[in-house]
């Protein structure tokens, strides 16, 4: 049941990020004068990047709140991993999925929706299993998240892992704010 709630929060967060992306695009084009094709493309790049960062923090705060990490780990480990995950999803959609479905005769609108659905699914799994897990958070999950972990995840948060991380993790947690 908690996994279902997490998926709903994830989808809502993604929808919020899409609305944020559209808002930033509208602001740049309509109010800040990004009117030429080159500037509109630049506005697109800016709005995508800002929405990726926005989405990361929405997910971090509302979808996986129990998986705390130091500010240093969030900025130097989790955020870059999230960018890689998002980029991988986009590249796979552009270079593999869209051409394959197009070749199979799937309409561009259905093709796009399939790509969005598969990309969201891939991003959810990567976020849950890699980006916001105990290893990238720097400490084991709390009891709330332990209830929804898979059988493979406890191996990542055992005392053997704590020994591997060692004093570095403890120093980070005491010297920096935890989010």
N, C-alpha and C. Protein backbone atom coordinates (compact mmCIF):
# COMPACT_ATOMS: atom_id res chain seq x y z
N UNK A 1 0.82 -1.20 0.00
CA UNK A 1 0.00 0.00 0.00
C UNK A 1 0.86 1.26 0.00
N UNK A 2 1.97 1.24 0.76
CA UNK A 2 2.84 2.41 0.78
C UNK A 2 3.52 2.61 -0.57
N UNK A 3 3.83 1.50 -1.27
CA UNK A 3 4.41 1.62 -2.61
C UNK A 3 3.43 2.30 -3.56
N UNK A 4 2.14 1.96 -3.46
CA UNK A 4 1.12 2.58 -4.30
C UNK A 4 1.04 4.08 -4.01
N UNK A 5 1.09 4.44 -2.75
CA UNK A 5 1.08 5.85 -2.37
C UNK A 5 2.30 6.57 -2.92
N UNK A 6 3.44 5.90 -2.89
CA UNK A 6 4.68 6.50 -3.41
C UNK A 6 4.58 6.72 -4.91
N UNK A 7 4.01 5.77 -5.63
CA UNK A 7 3.84 5.90 -7.08
C UNK A 7 2.92 7.09 -7.40
N UNK A 8 1.83 7.21 -6.65
CA UNK A 8 0.91 8.33 -6.87
C UNK A 8 1.61 9.66 -6.61
N UNK A 9 2.38 9.73 -5.54
CA UNK A 9 3.15 10.96 -5.24
C UNK A 9 4.16 11.24 -6.36
N UNK A 10 4.79 10.17 -6.86
CA UNK A 10 5.77 10.32 -7.94
C UNK A 10 5.10 10.89 -9.19
N UNK A 11 3.95 10.35 -9.56
CA UNK A 11 3.24 10.84 -10.74
C UNK A 11 2.77 12.28 -10.54
N UNK A 12 2.28 12.60 -9.36
CA UNK A 12 1.85 13.96 -9.07
C UNK A 12 3.05 14.91 -9.13
N UNK A 13 4.19 14.49 -8.57
CA UNK A 13 5.41 15.30 -8.63
C UNK A 13 5.86 15.53 -10.06
N UNK A 14 5.77 14.51 -10.90
CA UNK A 14 6.13 14.64 -12.31
C UNK A 14 5.21 15.60 -13.03
N UNK A 15 3.91 15.53 -12.73
CA UNK A 15 2.95 16.47 -13.32
C UNK A 15 3.21 17.89 -12.88
N UNK A 16 3.56 18.05 -11.62
CA UNK A 16 3.91 19.38 -11.10
C UNK A 16 5.15 19.92 -11.79
N UNK A 17 6.13 19.06 -12.00
CA UNK A 17 7.35 19.48 -12.69
C UNK A 17 7.06 19.85 -14.14
N UNK A 18 6.16 19.13 -14.79
CA UNK A 18 5.78 19.47 -16.17
C UNK A 18 5.11 20.84 -16.22
N UNK A 19 4.23 21.11 -15.25
CA UNK A 19 3.58 22.43 -15.18
C UNK A 19 4.62 23.52 -14.91
N UNK A 20 5.59 23.22 -14.05
CA UNK A 20 6.66 24.17 -13.77
C UNK A 20 7.47 24.46 -15.03
N UNK A 21 7.77 23.40 -15.80
CA UNK A 21 8.50 23.53 -17.05
C UNK A 21 7.76 24.46 -18.01
N UNK A 22 6.46 24.24 -18.16
CA UNK A 22 5.65 25.09 -19.04
C UNK A 22 5.62 26.54 -18.54
N UNK A 23 5.51 26.72 -17.23
CA UNK A 23 5.49 28.07 -16.66
C UNK A 23 6.79 28.81 -16.94
N UNK A 24 7.92 28.15 -16.73
CA UNK A 24 9.23 28.78 -16.97
C UNK A 24 9.37 29.11 -18.45
N UNK A 25 8.96 28.20 -19.32
CA UNK A 25 9.02 28.44 -20.76
C UNK A 25 8.18 29.66 -21.13
N UNK A 26 6.95 29.73 -20.62
CA UNK A 26 6.05 30.86 -20.87
C UNK A 26 6.67 32.16 -20.36
N UNK A 27 7.23 32.13 -19.16
CA UNK A 27 7.85 33.31 -18.57
C UNK A 27 9.01 33.82 -19.43
N UNK A 28 9.87 32.91 -19.85
CA UNK A 28 11.03 33.31 -20.66
C UNK A 28 10.62 33.84 -22.03
N UNK A 29 9.68 33.16 -22.68
CA UNK A 29 9.30 33.56 -24.04
C UNK A 29 8.39 34.79 -24.04
N UNK A 30 7.36 34.75 -23.24
CA UNK A 30 6.34 35.81 -23.29
C UNK A 30 6.69 37.06 -22.50
N UNK A 31 7.48 36.93 -21.44
CA UNK A 31 7.73 38.08 -20.58
C UNK A 31 9.18 38.54 -20.54
N UNK A 32 10.10 37.68 -20.90
CA UNK A 32 11.51 38.07 -20.87
C UNK A 32 12.11 38.20 -22.26
N UNK A 33 11.29 38.09 -23.29
CA UNK A 33 11.71 38.40 -24.65
C UNK A 33 12.51 37.35 -25.39
N UNK A 34 12.44 36.09 -24.99
CA UNK A 34 13.12 35.03 -25.73
C UNK A 34 12.27 34.72 -26.96
N UNK A 35 12.39 35.54 -28.02
CA UNK A 35 11.47 35.48 -29.15
C UNK A 35 12.04 34.86 -30.42
N UNK A 36 13.34 34.88 -30.60
CA UNK A 36 13.90 34.30 -31.82
C UNK A 36 13.98 32.79 -31.68
N UNK A 37 14.08 32.05 -32.79
CA UNK A 37 14.19 30.59 -32.68
C UNK A 37 15.35 30.14 -31.78
N UNK A 38 16.48 30.83 -31.87
CA UNK A 38 17.62 30.47 -31.02
C UNK A 38 17.31 30.72 -29.55
N UNK A 39 16.70 31.87 -29.25
CA UNK A 39 16.36 32.18 -27.86
C UNK A 39 15.25 31.27 -27.34
N UNK A 40 14.31 30.89 -28.18
CA UNK A 40 13.27 29.96 -27.75
C UNK A 40 13.88 28.60 -27.42
N UNK A 41 14.85 28.17 -28.22
CA UNK A 41 15.55 26.92 -27.92
C UNK A 41 16.33 27.04 -26.61
N UNK A 42 16.98 28.19 -26.41
CA UNK A 42 17.68 28.43 -25.15
C UNK A 42 16.69 28.42 -23.98
N UNK A 43 15.52 29.02 -24.16
CA UNK A 43 14.48 29.00 -23.13
C UNK A 43 14.06 27.57 -22.84
N UNK A 44 13.97 26.75 -23.87
CA UNK A 44 13.63 25.34 -23.69
C UNK A 44 14.68 24.63 -22.84
N UNK A 45 15.95 24.86 -23.14
CA UNK A 45 17.03 24.24 -22.37
C UNK A 45 16.98 24.69 -20.92
N UNK A 46 16.81 25.99 -20.70
CA UNK A 46 16.73 26.53 -19.34
C UNK A 46 15.54 25.95 -18.59
N UNK A 47 14.38 25.92 -19.24
CA UNK A 47 13.18 25.41 -18.56
C UNK A 47 13.29 23.92 -18.26
N UNK A 48 13.91 23.17 -19.13
CA UNK A 48 14.10 21.73 -18.87
C UNK A 48 15.03 21.54 -17.68
N UNK A 49 16.15 22.25 -17.66
CA UNK A 49 17.10 22.10 -16.56
C UNK A 49 16.48 22.52 -15.23
N UNK A 50 15.80 23.65 -15.21
CA UNK A 50 15.17 24.10 -13.97
C UNK A 50 14.08 23.12 -13.52
N UNK A 51 13.35 22.55 -14.46
CA UNK A 51 12.30 21.60 -14.07
C UNK A 51 12.91 20.28 -13.58
N UNK A 52 14.05 19.88 -14.10
CA UNK A 52 14.74 18.68 -13.60
C UNK A 52 15.16 18.91 -12.15
N UNK A 53 15.75 20.05 -11.88
CA UNK A 53 16.18 20.37 -10.51
C UNK A 53 14.96 20.47 -9.59
N UNK A 54 13.92 21.16 -10.06
CA UNK A 54 12.68 21.29 -9.29
C UNK A 54 12.10 19.91 -8.98
N UNK A 55 12.02 19.07 -9.99
CA UNK A 55 11.46 17.73 -9.83
C UNK A 55 12.29 16.90 -8.85
N UNK A 56 13.59 16.99 -8.93
CA UNK A 56 14.46 16.27 -8.00
C UNK A 56 14.11 16.62 -6.56
N UNK A 57 13.98 17.91 -6.28
CA UNK A 57 13.69 18.32 -4.90
C UNK A 57 12.26 18.00 -4.49
N UNK A 58 11.32 17.99 -5.43
CA UNK A 58 9.96 17.55 -5.13
C UNK A 58 9.99 16.07 -4.74
N UNK A 59 10.68 15.25 -5.53
CA UNK A 59 10.78 13.83 -5.22
C UNK A 59 11.50 13.61 -3.90
N UNK A 60 12.58 14.32 -3.71
CA UNK A 60 13.39 14.19 -2.50
C UNK A 60 12.57 14.52 -1.26
N UNK A 61 11.73 15.55 -1.35
CA UNK A 61 10.97 16.04 -0.21
C UNK A 61 9.67 15.27 0.02
N UNK A 62 8.94 14.95 -1.05
CA UNK A 62 7.60 14.39 -0.89
C UNK A 62 7.46 12.91 -1.22
N UNK A 63 8.31 12.37 -2.08
CA UNK A 63 8.16 10.97 -2.48
C UNK A 63 9.07 10.07 -1.64
N UNK A 64 10.29 10.49 -1.40
CA UNK A 64 11.24 9.72 -0.60
C UNK A 64 11.74 10.55 0.59
N UNK A 65 10.86 11.07 1.45
CA UNK A 65 11.29 11.95 2.54
C UNK A 65 12.05 11.22 3.64
N UNK A 66 11.82 9.92 3.79
CA UNK A 66 12.45 9.18 4.88
C UNK A 66 13.90 8.84 4.60
N UNK A 67 14.34 9.04 3.39
CA UNK A 67 15.71 8.69 3.02
C UNK A 67 16.58 9.94 3.08
N UNK A 68 16.91 10.34 4.30
CA UNK A 68 17.64 11.57 4.53
C UNK A 68 19.10 11.44 4.10
N UNK A 69 19.69 12.58 3.76
CA UNK A 69 21.10 12.63 3.38
C UNK A 69 21.63 14.01 3.71
N UNK A 70 22.93 14.09 3.86
CA UNK A 70 23.54 15.40 4.10
C UNK A 70 23.40 16.25 2.84
N UNK A 71 23.46 17.54 3.02
CA UNK A 71 23.38 18.46 1.89
C UNK A 71 24.47 18.16 0.87
N UNK A 72 25.65 17.84 1.36
CA UNK A 72 26.77 17.50 0.46
C UNK A 72 26.43 16.28 -0.40
N UNK A 73 25.87 15.23 0.19
CA UNK A 73 25.50 14.04 -0.58
C UNK A 73 24.39 14.33 -1.57
N UNK A 74 23.42 15.14 -1.16
CA UNK A 74 22.32 15.49 -2.05
C UNK A 74 22.86 16.19 -3.29
N UNK A 75 23.73 17.19 -3.09
CA UNK A 75 24.23 17.99 -4.21
C UNK A 75 25.31 17.30 -5.03
N UNK A 76 26.14 16.49 -4.39
CA UNK A 76 27.28 15.89 -5.10
C UNK A 76 27.05 14.44 -5.55
N UNK A 77 26.04 13.77 -5.00
CA UNK A 77 25.79 12.38 -5.38
C UNK A 77 24.40 12.22 -6.00
N UNK A 78 23.37 12.56 -5.23
CA UNK A 78 22.01 12.27 -5.68
C UNK A 78 21.57 13.13 -6.86
N UNK A 79 21.81 14.44 -6.81
CA UNK A 79 21.38 15.31 -7.92
C UNK A 79 22.09 14.93 -9.23
N UNK A 80 23.41 14.71 -9.23
CA UNK A 80 24.04 14.24 -10.48
C UNK A 80 23.50 12.89 -10.96
N UNK A 81 23.25 11.96 -10.04
CA UNK A 81 22.67 10.68 -10.44
C UNK A 81 21.29 10.87 -11.05
N UNK A 82 20.51 11.79 -10.50
CA UNK A 82 19.17 12.06 -11.04
C UNK A 82 19.29 12.62 -12.46
N UNK A 83 20.26 13.51 -12.68
CA UNK A 83 20.49 14.04 -14.04
C UNK A 83 20.85 12.93 -15.01
N UNK A 84 21.71 12.02 -14.59
CA UNK A 84 22.10 10.89 -15.45
C UNK A 84 20.88 10.03 -15.76
N UNK A 85 20.07 9.74 -14.74
CA UNK A 85 18.86 8.94 -14.94
C UNK A 85 17.91 9.60 -15.93
N UNK A 86 17.66 10.87 -15.73
CA UNK A 86 16.75 11.61 -16.62
C UNK A 86 17.31 11.66 -18.04
N UNK A 87 18.59 11.92 -18.16
CA UNK A 87 19.23 11.98 -19.48
C UNK A 87 19.17 10.64 -20.19
N UNK A 88 19.42 9.57 -19.44
CA UNK A 88 19.36 8.23 -20.02
C UNK A 88 17.96 7.94 -20.56
N UNK A 89 16.97 8.31 -19.80
CA UNK A 89 15.58 8.11 -20.23
C UNK A 89 15.30 8.86 -21.53
N UNK A 90 15.72 10.10 -21.60
CA UNK A 90 15.49 10.91 -22.80
C UNK A 90 16.25 10.33 -24.00
N UNK A 91 17.50 9.97 -23.81
CA UNK A 91 18.31 9.41 -24.90
C UNK A 91 17.70 8.11 -25.42
N UNK A 92 17.27 7.24 -24.52
CA UNK A 92 16.64 5.98 -24.95
C UNK A 92 15.36 6.24 -25.72
N UNK A 93 14.59 7.23 -25.28
CA UNK A 93 13.35 7.57 -26.01
C UNK A 93 13.67 8.08 -27.40
N UNK A 94 14.68 8.94 -27.51
CA UNK A 94 15.00 9.58 -28.80
C UNK A 94 15.68 8.59 -29.77
N UNK A 95 16.65 7.85 -29.26
CA UNK A 95 17.47 7.02 -30.14
C UNK A 95 16.95 5.60 -30.35
N UNK A 96 16.13 5.09 -29.42
CA UNK A 96 15.70 3.70 -29.53
C UNK A 96 14.18 3.59 -29.66
N UNK A 97 13.47 4.03 -28.65
CA UNK A 97 12.04 3.78 -28.59
C UNK A 97 11.26 4.49 -29.69
N UNK A 98 11.46 5.79 -29.86
CA UNK A 98 10.69 6.52 -30.86
C UNK A 98 10.95 5.97 -32.27
N UNK A 99 12.21 5.78 -32.67
CA UNK A 99 12.43 5.21 -34.02
C UNK A 99 11.83 3.80 -34.18
N UNK A 100 11.94 2.97 -33.13
CA UNK A 100 11.40 1.61 -33.22
C UNK A 100 9.88 1.64 -33.38
N UNK A 101 9.19 2.41 -32.53
CA UNK A 101 7.74 2.46 -32.62
C UNK A 101 7.29 3.14 -33.92
N UNK A 102 8.05 4.11 -34.37
CA UNK A 102 7.74 4.76 -35.64
C UNK A 102 7.86 3.75 -36.79
N UNK A 103 8.90 2.95 -36.77
CA UNK A 103 9.12 1.92 -37.78
C UNK A 103 7.99 0.89 -37.76
N UNK A 104 7.45 0.62 -36.55
CA UNK A 104 6.34 -0.33 -36.42
C UNK A 104 4.99 0.29 -36.81
N UNK A 105 5.00 1.59 -37.15
CA UNK A 105 3.79 2.24 -37.62
C UNK A 105 2.92 2.84 -36.52
N UNK A 106 3.45 2.99 -35.32
CA UNK A 106 2.70 3.60 -34.22
C UNK A 106 2.65 5.10 -34.46
N UNK A 107 1.46 5.70 -34.27
CA UNK A 107 1.31 7.14 -34.49
C UNK A 107 2.24 7.92 -33.55
N UNK A 108 2.62 9.13 -33.95
CA UNK A 108 3.54 9.91 -33.13
C UNK A 108 2.96 10.25 -31.76
N UNK A 109 1.65 10.47 -31.66
CA UNK A 109 1.06 10.80 -30.36
C UNK A 109 1.07 9.59 -29.43
N UNK A 110 0.70 8.42 -29.93
CA UNK A 110 0.77 7.20 -29.12
C UNK A 110 2.22 6.88 -28.78
N UNK A 111 3.11 7.06 -29.74
CA UNK A 111 4.53 6.84 -29.55
C UNK A 111 5.05 7.72 -28.41
N UNK A 112 4.66 8.99 -28.42
CA UNK A 112 5.10 9.93 -27.38
C UNK A 112 4.56 9.51 -26.02
N UNK A 113 3.28 9.14 -25.95
CA UNK A 113 2.69 8.73 -24.68
C UNK A 113 3.34 7.45 -24.15
N UNK A 114 3.64 6.51 -25.03
CA UNK A 114 4.33 5.28 -24.62
C UNK A 114 5.71 5.64 -24.08
N UNK A 115 6.41 6.54 -24.78
CA UNK A 115 7.73 6.97 -24.33
C UNK A 115 7.69 7.64 -22.98
N UNK A 116 6.69 8.50 -22.76
CA UNK A 116 6.54 9.18 -21.47
C UNK A 116 6.28 8.15 -20.37
N UNK A 117 5.39 7.21 -20.62
CA UNK A 117 5.05 6.19 -19.62
C UNK A 117 6.26 5.31 -19.29
N UNK A 118 6.96 4.84 -20.31
CA UNK A 118 8.14 4.00 -20.07
C UNK A 118 9.25 4.80 -19.41
N UNK A 119 9.44 6.06 -19.82
CA UNK A 119 10.45 6.92 -19.19
C UNK A 119 10.13 7.17 -17.72
N UNK A 120 8.87 7.43 -17.41
CA UNK A 120 8.46 7.64 -16.02
C UNK A 120 8.69 6.38 -15.20
N UNK A 121 8.33 5.23 -15.77
CA UNK A 121 8.56 3.97 -15.06
C UNK A 121 10.04 3.73 -14.79
N UNK A 122 10.85 3.97 -15.80
CA UNK A 122 12.29 3.79 -15.65
C UNK A 122 12.85 4.76 -14.60
N UNK A 123 12.41 6.02 -14.65
CA UNK A 123 12.89 7.01 -13.68
C UNK A 123 12.45 6.67 -12.26
N UNK A 124 11.24 6.13 -12.10
CA UNK A 124 10.77 5.74 -10.77
C UNK A 124 11.67 4.64 -10.19
N UNK A 125 11.89 3.60 -10.98
CA UNK A 125 12.70 2.47 -10.50
C UNK A 125 14.12 2.93 -10.18
N UNK A 126 14.72 3.71 -11.05
CA UNK A 126 16.09 4.19 -10.81
C UNK A 126 16.12 5.10 -9.58
N UNK A 127 15.13 5.97 -9.44
CA UNK A 127 15.09 6.86 -8.27
C UNK A 127 14.95 6.05 -7.00
N UNK A 128 14.06 5.07 -7.00
CA UNK A 128 13.80 4.28 -5.80
C UNK A 128 14.97 3.37 -5.44
N UNK A 129 15.55 2.72 -6.42
CA UNK A 129 16.58 1.71 -6.15
C UNK A 129 18.00 2.26 -6.11
N UNK A 130 18.25 3.39 -6.79
CA UNK A 130 19.63 3.89 -6.88
C UNK A 130 19.78 5.29 -6.27
N UNK A 131 19.01 6.24 -6.76
CA UNK A 131 19.24 7.64 -6.38
C UNK A 131 18.93 7.91 -4.92
N UNK A 132 17.77 7.46 -4.44
CA UNK A 132 17.37 7.76 -3.07
C UNK A 132 17.49 6.55 -2.15
N UNK A 133 18.45 5.66 -2.39
CA UNK A 133 18.60 4.50 -1.53
C UNK A 133 19.58 4.78 -0.39
N UNK A 134 19.80 3.79 0.46
CA UNK A 134 20.65 3.96 1.62
C UNK A 134 22.09 4.33 1.24
N UNK A 135 22.58 3.75 0.15
CA UNK A 135 23.97 4.00 -0.23
C UNK A 135 24.17 5.47 -0.64
N UNK A 136 23.28 6.02 -1.43
CA UNK A 136 23.45 7.41 -1.86
C UNK A 136 23.00 8.38 -0.78
N UNK A 137 22.19 7.92 0.18
CA UNK A 137 21.79 8.78 1.28
C UNK A 137 22.86 8.84 2.36
N UNK A 138 23.72 7.84 2.41
CA UNK A 138 24.80 7.84 3.38
C UNK A 138 24.45 7.16 4.69
N UNK A 139 23.23 6.63 4.78
CA UNK A 139 22.85 5.89 5.97
C UNK A 139 21.68 4.97 5.64
N UNK A 140 21.43 3.98 6.50
CA UNK A 140 20.35 3.05 6.23
C UNK A 140 19.00 3.75 6.25
N UNK A 141 18.00 3.17 5.55
CA UNK A 141 16.67 3.77 5.58
C UNK A 141 16.06 3.66 6.96
N UNK A 142 15.12 4.56 7.25
CA UNK A 142 14.42 4.52 8.52
C UNK A 142 13.41 3.39 8.52
N UNK A 143 12.78 3.13 9.66
CA UNK A 143 11.79 2.06 9.75
C UNK A 143 10.67 2.23 8.76
N UNK A 144 10.26 3.48 8.49
CA UNK A 144 9.17 3.71 7.55
C UNK A 144 9.52 3.19 6.16
N UNK A 145 10.76 3.41 5.74
CA UNK A 145 11.12 2.95 4.40
C UNK A 145 11.50 1.48 4.39
N UNK A 146 11.90 0.94 5.54
CA UNK A 146 12.26 -0.47 5.58
C UNK A 146 11.06 -1.34 5.25
N UNK A 147 9.86 -0.85 5.54
CA UNK A 147 8.66 -1.63 5.26
C UNK A 147 8.40 -1.79 3.77
N UNK A 148 8.94 -0.90 2.94
CA UNK A 148 8.67 -0.98 1.51
C UNK A 148 9.88 -1.39 0.69
N UNK A 149 10.97 -1.77 1.35
CA UNK A 149 12.16 -2.14 0.60
C UNK A 149 12.02 -3.55 0.05
N UNK A 150 12.75 -3.80 -1.01
CA UNK A 150 12.76 -5.15 -1.58
C UNK A 150 13.74 -6.00 -0.80
N UNK A 151 13.76 -7.28 -1.08
CA UNK A 151 14.65 -8.18 -0.35
C UNK A 151 16.12 -7.90 -0.64
N UNK A 152 16.42 -7.24 -1.76
CA UNK A 152 17.82 -6.93 -2.09
C UNK A 152 18.31 -5.69 -1.37
N UNK A 153 17.43 -4.78 -1.01
CA UNK A 153 17.87 -3.53 -0.42
C UNK A 153 18.50 -3.65 0.96
N UNK A 154 18.04 -4.56 1.84
CA UNK A 154 18.69 -4.62 3.15
C UNK A 154 20.19 -4.87 3.06
N UNK A 155 20.65 -5.52 2.00
CA UNK A 155 22.07 -5.75 1.84
C UNK A 155 22.83 -4.45 1.68
N UNK A 156 22.16 -3.42 1.18
CA UNK A 156 22.81 -2.14 1.02
C UNK A 156 22.89 -1.35 2.32
N UNK A 157 22.07 -1.70 3.31
CA UNK A 157 22.02 -0.89 4.51
C UNK A 157 22.42 -1.66 5.76
N UNK A 158 23.21 -2.72 5.62
CA UNK A 158 23.65 -3.49 6.77
C UNK A 158 24.84 -2.82 7.42
N UNK A 159 25.24 -3.36 8.56
CA UNK A 159 26.38 -2.77 9.26
C UNK A 159 27.66 -2.88 8.44
N UNK A 160 27.76 -3.86 7.55
CA UNK A 160 28.94 -3.95 6.68
C UNK A 160 29.06 -2.70 5.83
N UNK A 161 27.91 -2.20 5.37
CA UNK A 161 27.93 -0.96 4.59
C UNK A 161 28.37 0.21 5.47
N UNK A 162 27.86 0.25 6.71
CA UNK A 162 28.24 1.33 7.62
C UNK A 162 29.75 1.35 7.83
N UNK A 163 30.36 0.14 7.95
CA UNK A 163 31.82 0.09 8.11
C UNK A 163 32.53 0.59 6.86
N UNK A 164 31.96 0.29 5.70
CA UNK A 164 32.57 0.74 4.44
C UNK A 164 32.55 2.25 4.35
N UNK A 165 31.42 2.86 4.71
CA UNK A 165 31.30 4.32 4.65
C UNK A 165 32.18 4.94 5.71
N UNK A 166 32.20 4.36 6.91
CA UNK A 166 33.09 4.77 7.98
C UNK A 166 32.83 6.17 8.49
N UNK A 167 33.87 6.77 8.97
CA UNK A 167 33.78 8.07 9.62
C UNK A 167 33.35 9.17 8.67
N UNK A 168 33.60 9.00 7.38
CA UNK A 168 33.21 10.02 6.40
C UNK A 168 31.73 10.34 6.52
N UNK A 169 30.92 9.31 6.58
CA UNK A 169 29.48 9.48 6.68
C UNK A 169 29.10 10.17 7.98
N UNK A 170 29.71 9.74 9.09
CA UNK A 170 29.38 10.35 10.38
C UNK A 170 29.81 11.81 10.41
N UNK A 171 30.98 12.11 9.85
CA UNK A 171 31.44 13.51 9.80
C UNK A 171 30.49 14.37 8.99
N UNK A 172 30.05 13.87 7.84
CA UNK A 172 29.13 14.64 6.99
C UNK A 172 27.84 14.91 7.72
N UNK A 173 27.32 13.90 8.43
CA UNK A 173 26.03 14.06 9.07
C UNK A 173 26.10 15.02 10.24
N UNK A 174 27.23 15.11 10.92
CA UNK A 174 27.32 16.03 12.03
C UNK A 174 27.73 17.42 11.61
N UNK A 175 28.43 17.56 10.50
CA UNK A 175 28.92 18.88 10.10
C UNK A 175 28.00 19.59 9.13
N UNK A 176 27.04 18.91 8.56
CA UNK A 176 26.16 19.54 7.59
C UNK A 176 24.71 19.27 7.95
N UNK A 177 23.85 20.11 7.44
CA UNK A 177 22.43 19.89 7.69
C UNK A 177 21.98 18.65 6.95
N UNK A 178 21.00 18.00 7.49
CA UNK A 178 20.43 16.80 6.90
C UNK A 178 19.11 17.15 6.28
N UNK A 179 18.94 16.73 5.00
CA UNK A 179 17.67 17.00 4.33
C UNK A 179 17.08 15.73 3.81
